[in-house]
Amino acid sequence: MGVSRVLAFDLREYLEEANIRRDRTRRDRLARADEALAKLRVYLRLGFHWKWLRPVRPRSVGAGLCAPPMIATTESAPNSKA
């Protein structure tokens, strides 16, 4: 599993934990979520800069309404030239 995917899962978990907790524990989880988001943004920017990642468009209009655009690595993308 890629680093960005792990960070995205961590971010989501910290946000869920912060939603449940209060006071100091909530602030701690929100701080961790903020750190995970900052790291995720850096990795995604580097991935696009180095062309390790590329945006993927939904295959149909309906798919775009149901889900956000996906990101695929060049290795998993169809028709990628290796």
Protein backbone atom coordinates (compact mmCIF):
# COMPACT_ATOMS: atom_id res chain seq x y z
CA MET A 1 0.00 0.00 0.00
CA GLY A 2 1.40 3.40 -0.95
CA VAL A 3 2.45 6.05 1.53
CA SER A 4 -0.26 8.46 0.38
CA ARG A 5 -2.96 5.84 0.87
CA VAL A 6 -1.75 5.07 4.39
CA LEU A 7 -1.68 8.79 5.24
CA ALA A 8 -5.20 9.21 3.85
CA PHE A 9 -6.44 6.38 6.07
CA ASP A 10 -4.61 7.87 9.07
CA LEU A 11 -6.15 11.26 8.37
CA ARG A 12 -9.63 9.77 8.22
CA GLU A 13 -9.09 7.82 11.47
CA TYR A 14 -7.83 10.90 13.34
CA LEU A 15 -10.85 12.90 12.18
CA GLU A 16 -13.23 10.14 13.26
CA GLU A 17 -11.51 9.88 16.64
CA ALA A 18 -11.66 13.66 17.09
CA ASN A 19 -15.39 13.58 16.34
CA ILE A 20 -15.96 11.19 19.24
CA ARG A 21 -13.68 12.82 21.81
CA ARG A 22 -13.75 16.12 23.66
CA ASP A 23 -11.34 18.69 25.08
CA ARG A 24 -7.61 17.89 25.10
CA THR A 25 -7.90 14.49 23.42
CA ARG A 26 -9.93 16.05 20.61
CA ARG A 27 -7.31 18.76 20.06
CA ASP A 28 -4.60 16.09 19.99
CA ARG A 29 -6.43 14.07 17.32
CA LEU A 30 -7.09 17.21 15.27
CA ALA A 31 -3.39 18.12 15.47
CA ARG A 32 -2.48 14.61 14.25
CA ALA A 33 -5.01 14.89 11.43
CA ASP A 34 -3.49 18.23 10.44
CA GLU A 35 0.00 16.66 10.34
CA ALA A 36 -1.26 13.74 8.25
CA LEU A 37 -2.97 16.13 5.83
CA ALA A 38 0.19 18.22 5.43
CA LYS A 39 2.27 15.09 4.71
CA LEU A 40 -0.34 13.77 2.27
CA ARG A 41 -0.35 17.05 0.34
CA VAL A 42 3.46 17.00 0.06
CA TYR A 43 3.55 13.40 -1.17
CA LEU A 44 0.78 14.00 -3.69
CA ARG A 45 2.48 17.13 -5.03
CA LEU A 46 5.79 15.29 -5.37
CA GLY A 47 4.06 12.35 -7.04
CA PHE A 48 2.51 14.61 -9.66
CA HIS A 49 5.72 16.59 -10.10
CA TRP A 50 7.78 13.45 -10.70
CA LYS A 51 4.96 12.00 -12.84
CA TRP A 52 4.50 8.99 -10.57
CA LEU A 53 0.80 9.88 -10.31
CA ARG A 54 -1.65 11.20 -12.83
CA PRO A 55 -5.28 12.29 -12.59
CA VAL A 56 -7.85 9.77 -13.79
CA ARG A 57 -11.18 10.89 -15.20
CA PRO A 58 -14.34 8.95 -14.44
CA ARG A 59 -15.45 6.66 -17.28
CA SER A 60 -18.97 8.05 -17.38
CA VAL A 61 -20.81 11.15 -16.26
CA GLY A 62 -22.71 9.13 -13.66
CA ALA A 63 -19.48 7.87 -12.10
CA GLY A 64 -18.31 11.46 -11.65
CA LEU A 65 -21.47 12.32 -9.74
CA CYS A 66 -21.08 9.42 -7.32
CA ALA A 67 -17.38 9.55 -6.54
CA PRO A 68 -14.53 12.06 -6.56
CA PRO A 69 -11.86 11.80 -9.27
CA MET A 70 -9.47 8.95 -8.60
CA ILE A 71 -5.70 8.97 -8.64
CA ALA A 72 -3.88 6.06 -10.24
CA THR A 73 -0.22 5.27 -10.26
CA THR A 74 1.41 4.91 -13.64
CA GLU A 75 1.99 1.21 -12.98
CA SER A 76 -1.70 0.48 -12.41
CA ALA A 77 -3.04 2.73 -15.16
CA PRO A 78 -4.39 1.00 -18.26
CA ASN A 79 -2.38 1.51 -21.43
CA SER A 80 0.68 2.69 -19.52
CA LYS A 81 3.94 2.20 -21.34
CA ALA A 82 6.56 0.55 -19.17
